[in-house]
Amino acid sequence: MSIACSSKTEKGTSQMHNALHDHRKVLYVVTCGSSSAPQVYDFISTAQQAGWDVCSILTPSARKFVDMSRLAQMTKRPVRSEYKRPEEPDLFPRADALVVLPVTFNTLNKWALGISDTLAVGILCEYTGLHAPIVAIAGVTENSGLDTYPPFHKSIETLRSYGVHIIHEPQRWGPQNRVPADVILTTLEHLVFQ
């Protein structure tokens, strides 16, 4: 489901942005390894302009697709991709919401099954259990074979039943489901402020 802005919605969105500026909410942006991973730069910038305090978390394979130093510079925080040692302090404040951009076939299926073998999937499982607002953009290419593999759709249904908002509309956003940053942000803010 996607959300179109009307003048009434734009007014509501403006109020949401003002509420964020009053007390900055923390947004974890989880990025998986995919050719569409560089979309994360535009989304982080859009979220920050709307008043979100963004923390970047990568799957191990995502490190090959994005520039970690650029993400650290954008967020003014270290980028996390590995579990911390028990004696190390937490580097991030607790999240108010999460965006997964993109979520790959592998991560989506592991997340649905609760296989938290990476920091990113562990955080997704934790915050799903806490019923945090989560928007995930499925980065599975249309007609790739993966998008028609039955467990993929079962995983989407499972995560949706847990309250995760998954956007998978390749017929609308192109074969790689490249959802614009403003659409993702509007979807997230409707979940947070509903």
N, C-alpha and C. Protein backbone atom coordinates (compact mmCIF):
# COMPACT_ATOMS: atom_id res chain seq x y z
N MET A 1 0.84 -1.17 0.00
CA MET A 1 0.00 0.00 0.00
C MET A 1 0.89 1.23 0.00
N SER A 2 0.60 2.16 -0.87
CA SER A 2 1.36 3.39 -0.88
C SER A 2 0.44 4.53 -0.54
N ILE A 3 1.01 5.64 -0.12
CA ILE A 3 0.23 6.75 0.37
C ILE A 3 0.44 7.94 -0.52
N ALA A 4 -0.63 8.49 -1.05
CA ALA A 4 -0.55 9.69 -1.88
C ALA A 4 -0.82 10.91 -1.02
N CYS A 5 -0.12 11.99 -1.28
CA CYS A 5 -0.30 13.21 -0.51
C CYS A 5 -1.42 14.05 -1.10
N SER A 6 -2.31 14.48 -0.26
CA SER A 6 -3.31 15.48 -0.63
C SER A 6 -2.99 16.72 0.17
N SER A 7 -3.74 17.79 -0.03
CA SER A 7 -3.44 19.00 0.75
C SER A 7 -3.66 18.75 2.22
N LYS A 8 -4.69 17.91 2.56
CA LYS A 8 -4.91 17.57 3.95
C LYS A 8 -3.75 16.74 4.49
N THR A 9 -3.28 15.79 3.67
CA THR A 9 -2.14 14.96 4.07
C THR A 9 -0.89 15.80 4.22
N GLU A 10 -0.68 16.75 3.29
CA GLU A 10 0.50 17.61 3.39
C GLU A 10 0.49 18.41 4.68
N LYS A 11 -0.70 18.89 5.10
CA LYS A 11 -0.80 19.62 6.36
C LYS A 11 -0.43 18.70 7.52
N GLY A 12 -0.97 17.45 7.48
CA GLY A 12 -0.64 16.47 8.51
C GLY A 12 0.83 16.14 8.52
N THR A 13 1.43 16.01 7.34
CA THR A 13 2.86 15.72 7.24
C THR A 13 3.67 16.87 7.82
N SER A 14 3.25 18.10 7.55
CA SER A 14 3.93 19.26 8.11
C SER A 14 3.88 19.23 9.64
N GLN A 15 2.71 18.87 10.19
CA GLN A 15 2.59 18.76 11.65
C GLN A 15 3.51 17.67 12.18
N MET A 16 3.62 16.56 11.42
CA MET A 16 4.51 15.47 11.83
C MET A 16 5.95 15.96 11.87
N HIS A 17 6.36 16.70 10.83
CA HIS A 17 7.73 17.22 10.79
C HIS A 17 7.98 18.15 11.96
N ASN A 18 7.00 19.01 12.31
CA ASN A 18 7.15 19.92 13.45
C ASN A 18 7.29 19.14 14.75
N ALA A 19 6.50 18.06 14.88
CA ALA A 19 6.60 17.23 16.09
C ALA A 19 7.98 16.60 16.20
N LEU A 20 8.55 16.21 15.08
CA LEU A 20 9.89 15.63 15.10
C LEU A 20 10.93 16.65 15.53
N HIS A 21 10.79 17.89 15.05
CA HIS A 21 11.76 18.93 15.41
C HIS A 21 11.69 19.28 16.89
N ASP A 22 10.50 19.13 17.51
CA ASP A 22 10.37 19.42 18.94
C ASP A 22 11.21 18.46 19.78
N HIS A 23 11.26 17.21 19.40
CA HIS A 23 12.12 16.22 20.07
C HIS A 23 12.51 15.20 19.01
N ARG A 24 13.80 15.24 18.65
CA ARG A 24 14.28 14.42 17.54
C ARG A 24 14.11 12.94 17.84
N LYS A 25 13.41 12.26 16.96
CA LYS A 25 13.22 10.83 17.09
C LYS A 25 14.38 10.11 16.40
N VAL A 26 14.72 8.95 16.93
CA VAL A 26 15.84 8.18 16.42
C VAL A 26 15.33 7.16 15.40
N LEU A 27 15.98 7.16 14.24
CA LEU A 27 15.62 6.25 13.17
C LEU A 27 16.82 5.38 12.83
N TYR A 28 16.65 4.06 12.94
CA TYR A 28 17.67 3.14 12.47
C TYR A 28 17.38 2.86 11.00
N VAL A 29 18.39 3.04 10.15
CA VAL A 29 18.27 2.69 8.74
C VAL A 29 19.17 1.49 8.50
N VAL A 30 18.55 0.36 8.21
CA VAL A 30 19.26 -0.90 7.98
C VAL A 30 19.39 -1.07 6.47
N THR A 31 20.61 -1.33 6.01
CA THR A 31 20.88 -1.48 4.58
C THR A 31 21.48 -2.86 4.31
N CYS A 32 20.93 -3.52 3.30
CA CYS A 32 21.41 -4.84 2.89
C CYS A 32 22.21 -4.71 1.60
N GLY A 33 23.01 -5.72 1.31
CA GLY A 33 23.86 -5.72 0.13
C GLY A 33 23.08 -5.92 -1.15
N SER A 34 22.99 -4.86 -1.95
CA SER A 34 22.22 -4.90 -3.19
C SER A 34 22.66 -3.73 -4.07
N SER A 35 22.43 -3.87 -5.36
CA SER A 35 22.77 -2.75 -6.26
C SER A 35 21.94 -1.52 -5.98
N SER A 36 20.80 -1.69 -5.29
CA SER A 36 19.99 -0.51 -4.94
C SER A 36 20.34 0.06 -3.57
N ALA A 37 21.35 -0.49 -2.89
CA ALA A 37 21.77 0.01 -1.58
C ALA A 37 22.15 1.49 -1.59
N PRO A 38 22.79 2.02 -2.66
CA PRO A 38 23.14 3.44 -2.63
C PRO A 38 21.95 4.41 -2.52
N GLN A 39 20.73 3.92 -2.68
CA GLN A 39 19.55 4.75 -2.44
C GLN A 39 19.52 5.28 -1.01
N VAL A 40 20.24 4.59 -0.13
CA VAL A 40 20.21 4.95 1.27
C VAL A 40 20.70 6.37 1.52
N TYR A 41 21.63 6.86 0.69
CA TYR A 41 22.15 8.22 0.89
C TYR A 41 21.02 9.25 0.76
N ASP A 42 20.24 9.14 -0.29
CA ASP A 42 19.14 10.08 -0.51
C ASP A 42 18.10 9.96 0.59
N PHE A 43 17.81 8.72 1.01
CA PHE A 43 16.81 8.56 2.06
C PHE A 43 17.28 9.15 3.38
N ILE A 44 18.52 8.90 3.75
CA ILE A 44 19.03 9.44 5.02
C ILE A 44 18.96 10.97 5.00
N SER A 45 19.37 11.57 3.91
CA SER A 45 19.31 13.03 3.78
C SER A 45 17.87 13.53 3.93
N THR A 46 16.93 12.86 3.27
CA THR A 46 15.52 13.25 3.35
C THR A 46 15.00 13.11 4.78
N ALA A 47 15.35 12.02 5.45
CA ALA A 47 14.90 11.80 6.83
C ALA A 47 15.50 12.84 7.77
N GLN A 48 16.77 13.17 7.58
CA GLN A 48 17.40 14.18 8.44
C GLN A 48 16.76 15.55 8.23
N GLN A 49 16.44 15.89 7.00
CA GLN A 49 15.78 17.17 6.73
C GLN A 49 14.42 17.23 7.42
N ALA A 50 13.79 16.06 7.61
CA ALA A 50 12.50 16.00 8.29
C ALA A 50 12.65 15.95 9.81
N GLY A 51 13.90 15.96 10.31
CA GLY A 51 14.13 16.04 11.75
C GLY A 51 14.50 14.73 12.43
N TRP A 52 14.69 13.66 11.67
CA TRP A 52 15.07 12.39 12.28
C TRP A 52 16.56 12.37 12.60
N ASP A 53 16.91 11.76 13.73
CA ASP A 53 18.30 11.48 14.11
C ASP A 53 18.59 10.07 13.60
N VAL A 54 19.40 9.95 12.56
CA VAL A 54 19.57 8.68 11.85
C VAL A 54 20.82 7.93 12.29
N CYS A 55 20.67 6.63 12.49
CA CYS A 55 21.78 5.72 12.76
C CYS A 55 21.81 4.69 11.63
N SER A 56 22.99 4.40 11.11
CA SER A 56 23.14 3.48 9.97
C SER A 56 23.66 2.13 10.41
N ILE A 57 22.94 1.08 9.99
CA ILE A 57 23.32 -0.30 10.28
C ILE A 57 23.39 -1.04 8.95
N LEU A 58 24.46 -1.79 8.75
CA LEU A 58 24.65 -2.52 7.50
C LEU A 58 24.73 -4.02 7.76
N THR A 59 24.23 -4.80 6.80
CA THR A 59 24.55 -6.22 6.81
C THR A 59 26.01 -6.33 6.37
N PRO A 60 26.67 -7.43 6.69
CA PRO A 60 28.07 -7.56 6.26
C PRO A 60 28.26 -7.37 4.75
N SER A 61 27.36 -7.91 3.94
CA SER A 61 27.52 -7.76 2.49
C SER A 61 27.23 -6.35 2.00
N ALA A 62 26.47 -5.57 2.76
CA ALA A 62 26.16 -4.19 2.34
C ALA A 62 27.41 -3.31 2.32
N ARG A 63 28.43 -3.69 3.08
CA ARG A 63 29.67 -2.90 3.11
C ARG A 63 30.34 -2.82 1.75
N LYS A 64 30.02 -3.76 0.85
CA LYS A 64 30.58 -3.75 -0.50
C LYS A 64 29.84 -2.80 -1.44
N PHE A 65 28.64 -2.37 -1.02
CA PHE A 65 27.77 -1.60 -1.91
C PHE A 65 27.64 -0.13 -1.53
N VAL A 66 28.06 0.23 -0.31
CA VAL A 66 27.96 1.62 0.14
C VAL A 66 29.29 2.06 0.74
N ASP A 67 29.45 3.36 0.85
CA ASP A 67 30.66 3.96 1.42
C ASP A 67 30.42 4.22 2.90
N MET A 68 31.02 3.40 3.76
CA MET A 68 30.80 3.53 5.20
C MET A 68 31.24 4.87 5.75
N SER A 69 32.34 5.42 5.22
CA SER A 69 32.80 6.72 5.72
C SER A 69 31.81 7.82 5.34
N ARG A 70 31.21 7.71 4.16
CA ARG A 70 30.18 8.70 3.77
C ARG A 70 28.97 8.61 4.70
N LEU A 71 28.55 7.38 5.03
CA LEU A 71 27.41 7.22 5.93
C LEU A 71 27.74 7.76 7.33
N ALA A 72 28.95 7.51 7.80
CA ALA A 72 29.37 8.02 9.11
C ALA A 72 29.38 9.55 9.11
N GLN A 73 29.85 10.13 8.02
CA GLN A 73 29.88 11.59 7.92
C GLN A 73 28.46 12.15 7.89
N MET A 74 27.56 11.49 7.16
CA MET A 74 26.18 11.96 7.07
C MET A 74 25.47 11.88 8.42
N THR A 75 25.66 10.78 9.14
CA THR A 75 24.91 10.55 10.39
C THR A 75 25.62 11.10 11.62
N LYS A 76 26.89 11.45 11.47
CA LYS A 76 27.71 11.92 12.61
C LYS A 76 27.83 10.85 13.69
N ARG A 77 27.78 9.60 13.24
CA ARG A 77 27.89 8.45 14.15
C ARG A 77 28.68 7.36 13.45
N PRO A 78 29.26 6.42 14.21
CA PRO A 78 29.87 5.27 13.56
C PRO A 78 28.79 4.44 12.88
N VAL A 79 29.17 3.72 11.86
CA VAL A 79 28.26 2.81 11.16
C VAL A 79 28.48 1.43 11.75
N ARG A 80 27.39 0.75 12.08
CA ARG A 80 27.51 -0.57 12.70
C ARG A 80 27.17 -1.66 11.71
N SER A 81 27.96 -2.74 11.73
CA SER A 81 27.64 -3.91 10.93
C SER A 81 27.95 -5.22 11.67
N GLU A 82 28.55 -5.10 12.82
CA GLU A 82 28.91 -6.28 13.61
C GLU A 82 28.39 -6.10 15.03
N TYR A 83 28.15 -7.23 15.70
CA TYR A 83 27.77 -7.17 17.11
C TYR A 83 28.92 -6.57 17.92
N LYS A 84 28.58 -5.81 18.94
CA LYS A 84 29.60 -5.25 19.80
C LYS A 84 30.05 -6.31 20.81
N ARG A 85 31.21 -6.10 21.39
CA ARG A 85 31.68 -6.98 22.45
C ARG A 85 30.87 -6.69 23.71
N PRO A 86 30.69 -7.67 24.60
CA PRO A 86 29.85 -7.46 25.79
C PRO A 86 30.27 -6.28 26.65
N GLU A 87 31.58 -6.02 26.73
CA GLU A 87 32.05 -4.92 27.60
C GLU A 87 31.97 -3.55 26.92
N GLU A 88 31.67 -3.51 25.65
CA GLU A 88 31.61 -2.23 24.93
C GLU A 88 30.26 -1.57 25.13
N PRO A 89 30.25 -0.24 25.23
CA PRO A 89 28.98 0.47 25.41
C PRO A 89 28.19 0.49 24.09
N ASP A 90 26.88 0.66 24.22
CA ASP A 90 26.06 0.83 23.03
C ASP A 90 26.42 2.15 22.37
N LEU A 91 26.56 2.13 21.05
CA LEU A 91 26.92 3.34 20.32
C LEU A 91 25.70 4.15 19.90
N PHE A 92 24.54 3.51 19.88
CA PHE A 92 23.32 4.17 19.40
C PHE A 92 22.29 4.30 20.50
N PRO A 93 21.51 5.37 20.47
CA PRO A 93 20.34 5.44 21.36
C PRO A 93 19.28 4.46 20.86
N ARG A 94 18.29 4.18 21.68
CA ARG A 94 17.19 3.30 21.26
C ARG A 94 16.46 3.93 20.09
N ALA A 95 16.00 3.09 19.18
CA ALA A 95 15.29 3.58 17.99
C ALA A 95 13.81 3.78 18.29
N ASP A 96 13.25 4.82 17.65
CA ASP A 96 11.80 5.03 17.69
C ASP A 96 11.14 4.35 16.49
N ALA A 97 11.91 4.12 15.42
CA ALA A 97 11.39 3.51 14.21
C ALA A 97 12.56 2.99 13.39
N LEU A 98 12.25 2.13 12.41
CA LEU A 98 13.28 1.57 11.54
C LEU A 98 12.82 1.58 10.10
N VAL A 99 13.80 1.76 9.20
CA VAL A 99 13.58 1.60 7.77
C VAL A 99 14.64 0.63 7.28
N VAL A 100 14.22 -0.34 6.47
CA VAL A 100 15.16 -1.29 5.87
C VAL A 100 15.18 -0.99 4.38
N LEU A 101 16.33 -0.49 3.92
CA LEU A 101 16.44 -0.01 2.53
C LEU A 101 17.76 -0.41 1.92
N PRO A 102 17.75 -1.38 1.03
CA PRO A 102 16.67 -2.31 0.73
C PRO A 102 16.77 -3.53 1.64
N VAL A 103 15.70 -4.31 1.70
CA VAL A 103 15.80 -5.61 2.36
C VAL A 103 15.92 -6.65 1.25
N THR A 104 16.97 -7.44 1.32
CA THR A 104 17.24 -8.44 0.28
C THR A 104 16.46 -9.73 0.56
N PHE A 105 16.43 -10.57 -0.44
CA PHE A 105 15.80 -11.89 -0.35
C PHE A 105 16.33 -12.64 0.87
N ASN A 106 17.64 -12.67 1.03
CA ASN A 106 18.28 -13.40 2.12
C ASN A 106 17.87 -12.85 3.48
N THR A 107 18.00 -11.54 3.66
CA THR A 107 17.68 -10.93 4.96
C THR A 107 16.20 -11.04 5.27
N LEU A 108 15.35 -10.84 4.28
CA LEU A 108 13.90 -10.94 4.49
C LEU A 108 13.52 -12.32 5.01
N ASN A 109 14.05 -13.36 4.39
CA ASN A 109 13.71 -14.73 4.81
C ASN A 109 14.27 -15.06 6.18
N LYS A 110 15.51 -14.62 6.46
CA LYS A 110 16.08 -14.86 7.79
C LYS A 110 15.30 -14.11 8.87
N TRP A 111 14.93 -12.88 8.58
CA TRP A 111 14.16 -12.05 9.52
C TRP A 111 12.84 -12.72 9.84
N ALA A 112 12.13 -13.20 8.85
CA ALA A 112 10.83 -13.84 9.06
C ALA A 112 10.97 -15.09 9.94
N LEU A 113 12.10 -15.79 9.81
CA LEU A 113 12.33 -17.01 10.59
C LEU A 113 13.02 -16.74 11.93
N GLY A 114 13.45 -15.51 12.16
CA GLY A 114 14.13 -15.18 13.41
C GLY A 114 15.56 -15.67 13.47
N ILE A 115 16.20 -15.79 12.33
CA ILE A 115 17.61 -16.24 12.29
C ILE A 115 18.50 -15.00 12.38
N SER A 116 18.88 -14.66 13.59
CA SER A 116 19.62 -13.40 13.80
C SER A 116 21.11 -13.64 13.83
N ASP A 117 21.65 -14.07 12.70
CA ASP A 117 23.08 -14.36 12.62
C ASP A 117 23.92 -13.15 12.25
N THR A 118 23.28 -12.01 12.03
CA THR A 118 24.00 -10.75 11.82
C THR A 118 23.40 -9.70 12.73
N LEU A 119 24.15 -8.66 13.00
CA LEU A 119 23.64 -7.56 13.81
C LEU A 119 22.36 -7.00 13.21
N ALA A 120 22.36 -6.79 11.90
CA ALA A 120 21.19 -6.19 11.24
C ALA A 120 19.94 -7.02 11.47
N VAL A 121 20.02 -8.33 11.24
CA VAL A 121 18.84 -9.18 11.42
C VAL A 121 18.47 -9.28 12.89
N GLY A 122 19.46 -9.31 13.76
CA GLY A 122 19.17 -9.33 15.20
C GLY A 122 18.39 -8.10 15.63
N ILE A 123 18.79 -6.93 15.15
CA ILE A 123 18.08 -5.69 15.48
C ILE A 123 16.67 -5.71 14.90
N LEU A 124 16.53 -6.19 13.67
CA LEU A 124 15.20 -6.26 13.06
C LEU A 124 14.28 -7.19 13.86
N CYS A 125 14.80 -8.33 14.29
CA CYS A 125 14.00 -9.26 15.09
C CYS A 125 13.61 -8.62 16.43
N GLU A 126 14.58 -7.98 17.07
CA GLU A 126 14.32 -7.34 18.36
C GLU A 126 13.22 -6.29 18.25
N TYR A 127 13.36 -5.39 17.29
CA TYR A 127 12.38 -4.30 17.19
C TYR A 127 11.03 -4.76 16.63
N THR A 128 11.02 -5.86 15.88
CA THR A 128 9.74 -6.44 15.47
C THR A 128 9.02 -6.95 16.71
N GLY A 129 9.76 -7.62 17.59
CA GLY A 129 9.18 -8.10 18.83
C GLY A 129 8.70 -7.00 19.74
N LEU A 130 9.33 -5.83 19.65
CA LEU A 130 8.92 -4.67 20.45
C LEU A 130 7.78 -3.89 19.79
N HIS A 131 7.35 -4.33 18.62
CA HIS A 131 6.26 -3.69 17.85
C HIS A 131 6.60 -2.26 17.45
N ALA A 132 7.88 -2.02 17.15
CA ALA A 132 8.30 -0.69 16.67
C ALA A 132 7.79 -0.49 15.25
N PRO A 133 7.56 0.77 14.84
CA PRO A 133 7.20 1.02 13.45
C PRO A 133 8.38 0.68 12.54
N ILE A 134 8.14 -0.18 11.56
CA ILE A 134 9.19 -0.61 10.63
C ILE A 134 8.65 -0.59 9.21
N VAL A 135 9.40 0.07 8.33
CA VAL A 135 9.09 0.06 6.90
C VAL A 135 10.26 -0.62 6.20
N ALA A 136 9.96 -1.62 5.39
CA ALA A 136 11.00 -2.34 4.65
C ALA A 136 10.69 -2.28 3.16
N ILE A 137 11.71 -1.94 2.38
CA ILE A 137 11.58 -1.87 0.93
C ILE A 137 12.23 -3.12 0.35
N ALA A 138 11.40 -4.00 -0.19
CA ALA A 138 11.92 -5.27 -0.73
C ALA A 138 12.74 -4.99 -1.98
N GLY A 139 14.02 -5.29 -1.91
CA GLY A 139 14.93 -5.05 -3.03
C GLY A 139 15.15 -6.29 -3.86
N VAL A 140 14.07 -6.98 -4.18
CA VAL A 140 14.16 -8.20 -4.98
C VAL A 140 13.67 -7.88 -6.38
N THR A 141 14.50 -8.10 -7.36
CA THR A 141 14.19 -7.74 -8.73
C THR A 141 13.05 -8.59 -9.29
N GLU A 142 12.12 -7.92 -9.94
CA GLU A 142 10.98 -8.60 -10.55
C GLU A 142 11.45 -9.56 -11.65
N ASN A 143 10.80 -10.71 -11.71
CA ASN A 143 11.10 -11.75 -12.71
C ASN A 143 12.52 -12.30 -12.58
N SER A 144 13.06 -12.25 -11.38
CA SER A 144 14.42 -12.76 -11.15
C SER A 144 14.41 -14.24 -10.77
N GLY A 145 13.25 -14.76 -10.49
CA GLY A 145 13.15 -16.12 -9.96
C GLY A 145 13.04 -16.09 -8.45
N LEU A 146 13.76 -15.19 -7.80
CA LEU A 146 13.66 -15.06 -6.34
C LEU A 146 12.30 -14.51 -5.95
N ASP A 147 11.77 -13.60 -6.76
CA ASP A 147 10.48 -12.99 -6.43
C ASP A 147 9.31 -13.95 -6.61
N THR A 148 9.52 -15.06 -7.29
CA THR A 148 8.45 -16.05 -7.46
C THR A 148 8.70 -17.30 -6.62
N TYR A 149 9.79 -17.32 -5.89
CA TYR A 149 10.10 -18.45 -5.02
C TYR A 149 9.13 -18.43 -3.83
N PRO A 150 8.34 -19.47 -3.59
CA PRO A 150 7.26 -19.42 -2.58
C PRO A 150 7.67 -18.92 -1.20
N PRO A 151 8.83 -19.31 -0.63
CA PRO A 151 9.17 -18.78 0.71
C PRO A 151 9.28 -17.25 0.76
N PHE A 152 9.63 -16.61 -0.35
CA PHE A 152 9.74 -15.15 -0.38
C PHE A 152 8.39 -14.52 -0.02
N HIS A 153 7.33 -14.94 -0.68
CA HIS A 153 6.00 -14.38 -0.41
C HIS A 153 5.49 -14.79 0.97
N LYS A 154 5.84 -15.99 1.40
CA LYS A 154 5.46 -16.42 2.74
C LYS A 154 6.14 -15.54 3.80
N SER A 155 7.41 -15.21 3.57
CA SER A 155 8.14 -14.34 4.51
C SER A 155 7.51 -12.96 4.56
N ILE A 156 7.13 -12.42 3.40
CA ILE A 156 6.46 -11.11 3.39
C ILE A 156 5.17 -11.17 4.20
N GLU A 157 4.38 -12.20 3.97
CA GLU A 157 3.11 -12.36 4.70
C GLU A 157 3.36 -12.49 6.20
N THR A 158 4.37 -13.27 6.56
CA THR A 158 4.70 -13.46 7.97
C THR A 158 5.08 -12.15 8.63
N LEU A 159 5.99 -11.40 7.99
CA LEU A 159 6.42 -10.12 8.57
C LEU A 159 5.27 -9.13 8.63
N ARG A 160 4.44 -9.10 7.62
CA ARG A 160 3.26 -8.21 7.66
C ARG A 160 2.34 -8.59 8.82
N SER A 161 2.20 -9.88 9.08
CA SER A 161 1.34 -10.31 10.20
C SER A 161 1.93 -9.88 11.54
N TYR A 162 3.25 -9.63 11.57
CA TYR A 162 3.90 -9.13 12.78
C TYR A 162 3.83 -7.61 12.89
N GLY A 163 3.26 -6.94 11.89
CA GLY A 163 3.12 -5.49 11.92
C GLY A 163 4.15 -4.73 11.11
N VAL A 164 5.02 -5.43 10.38
CA VAL A 164 6.03 -4.76 9.55
C VAL A 164 5.36 -4.29 8.26
N HIS A 165 5.62 -3.06 7.87
CA HIS A 165 5.07 -2.51 6.62
C HIS A 165 6.10 -2.74 5.52
N ILE A 166 5.79 -3.66 4.62
CA ILE A 166 6.71 -3.98 3.53
C ILE A 166 6.17 -3.40 2.23
N ILE A 167 7.02 -2.66 1.53
CA ILE A 167 6.66 -2.12 0.23
C ILE A 167 7.33 -2.99 -0.83
N HIS A 168 6.51 -3.70 -1.57
CA HIS A 168 7.00 -4.51 -2.69
C HIS A 168 6.03 -4.31 -3.85
N GLU A 169 6.28 -3.27 -4.64
CA GLU A 169 5.42 -2.91 -5.76
C GLU A 169 6.26 -2.65 -7.01
N PRO A 170 6.91 -3.71 -7.54
CA PRO A 170 7.77 -3.50 -8.71
C PRO A 170 7.00 -3.00 -9.94
N GLN A 171 5.70 -3.30 -10.02
CA GLN A 171 4.92 -2.80 -11.15
C GLN A 171 4.78 -1.28 -11.08
N ARG A 172 4.91 -0.72 -9.89
CA ARG A 172 4.81 0.73 -9.73
C ARG A 172 6.17 1.41 -9.68
N TRP A 173 7.12 0.78 -8.99
CA TRP A 173 8.41 1.42 -8.74
C TRP A 173 9.55 0.84 -9.57
N GLY A 174 9.24 0.08 -10.57
CA GLY A 174 10.26 -0.47 -11.46
C GLY A 174 10.69 -1.84 -11.02
N PRO A 175 11.39 -2.56 -11.89
CA PRO A 175 11.73 -3.95 -11.61
C PRO A 175 12.56 -4.16 -10.36
N GLN A 176 13.29 -3.12 -9.91
CA GLN A 176 14.08 -3.26 -8.68
C GLN A 176 13.40 -2.61 -7.48
N ASN A 177 12.12 -2.21 -7.65
CA ASN A 177 11.32 -1.66 -6.55
C ASN A 177 12.01 -0.46 -5.89
N ARG A 178 12.47 0.48 -6.70
CA ARG A 178 13.18 1.66 -6.18
C ARG A 178 12.18 2.74 -5.76
N VAL A 179 11.71 2.61 -4.55
CA VAL A 179 10.70 3.50 -3.98
C VAL A 179 11.37 4.83 -3.63
N PRO A 180 10.80 5.97 -4.04
CA PRO A 180 11.41 7.27 -3.73
C PRO A 180 11.49 7.54 -2.23
N ALA A 181 12.51 8.28 -1.84
CA ALA A 181 12.76 8.58 -0.42
C ALA A 181 11.57 9.25 0.24
N ASP A 182 10.92 10.20 -0.46
CA ASP A 182 9.80 10.90 0.16
C ASP A 182 8.61 9.98 0.39
N VAL A 183 8.41 8.98 -0.46
CA VAL A 183 7.32 8.02 -0.28
C VAL A 183 7.61 7.14 0.94
N ILE A 184 8.86 6.71 1.08
CA ILE A 184 9.24 5.89 2.24
C ILE A 184 9.03 6.69 3.53
N LEU A 185 9.49 7.94 3.53
CA LEU A 185 9.37 8.77 4.72
C LEU A 185 7.92 9.03 5.08
N THR A 186 7.09 9.34 4.11
CA THR A 186 5.66 9.58 4.36
C THR A 186 5.02 8.33 4.94
N THR A 187 5.35 7.17 4.38
CA THR A 187 4.81 5.90 4.89
C THR A 187 5.23 5.69 6.34
N LEU A 188 6.52 5.93 6.62
CA LEU A 188 7.03 5.76 7.99
C LEU A 188 6.32 6.70 8.94
N GLU A 189 6.21 7.96 8.60
CA GLU A 189 5.63 8.93 9.51
C GLU A 189 4.15 8.67 9.76
N HIS A 190 3.47 8.10 8.80
CA HIS A 190 2.06 7.71 9.05
C HIS A 190 2.00 6.57 10.06
N LEU A 191 2.96 5.68 10.02
CA LEU A 191 3.00 4.60 11.02
C LEU A 191 3.33 5.14 12.40
N VAL A 192 4.30 6.06 12.46
CA VAL A 192 4.76 6.60 13.75
C VAL A 192 3.70 7.47 14.39
N PHE A 193 3.01 8.27 13.60
CA PHE A 193 2.09 9.26 14.15
C PHE A 193 0.62 8.90 13.99
N GLN A 194 0.32 7.64 13.64
CA GLN A 194 -1.09 7.26 13.47
C GLN A 194 -1.82 7.22 14.80
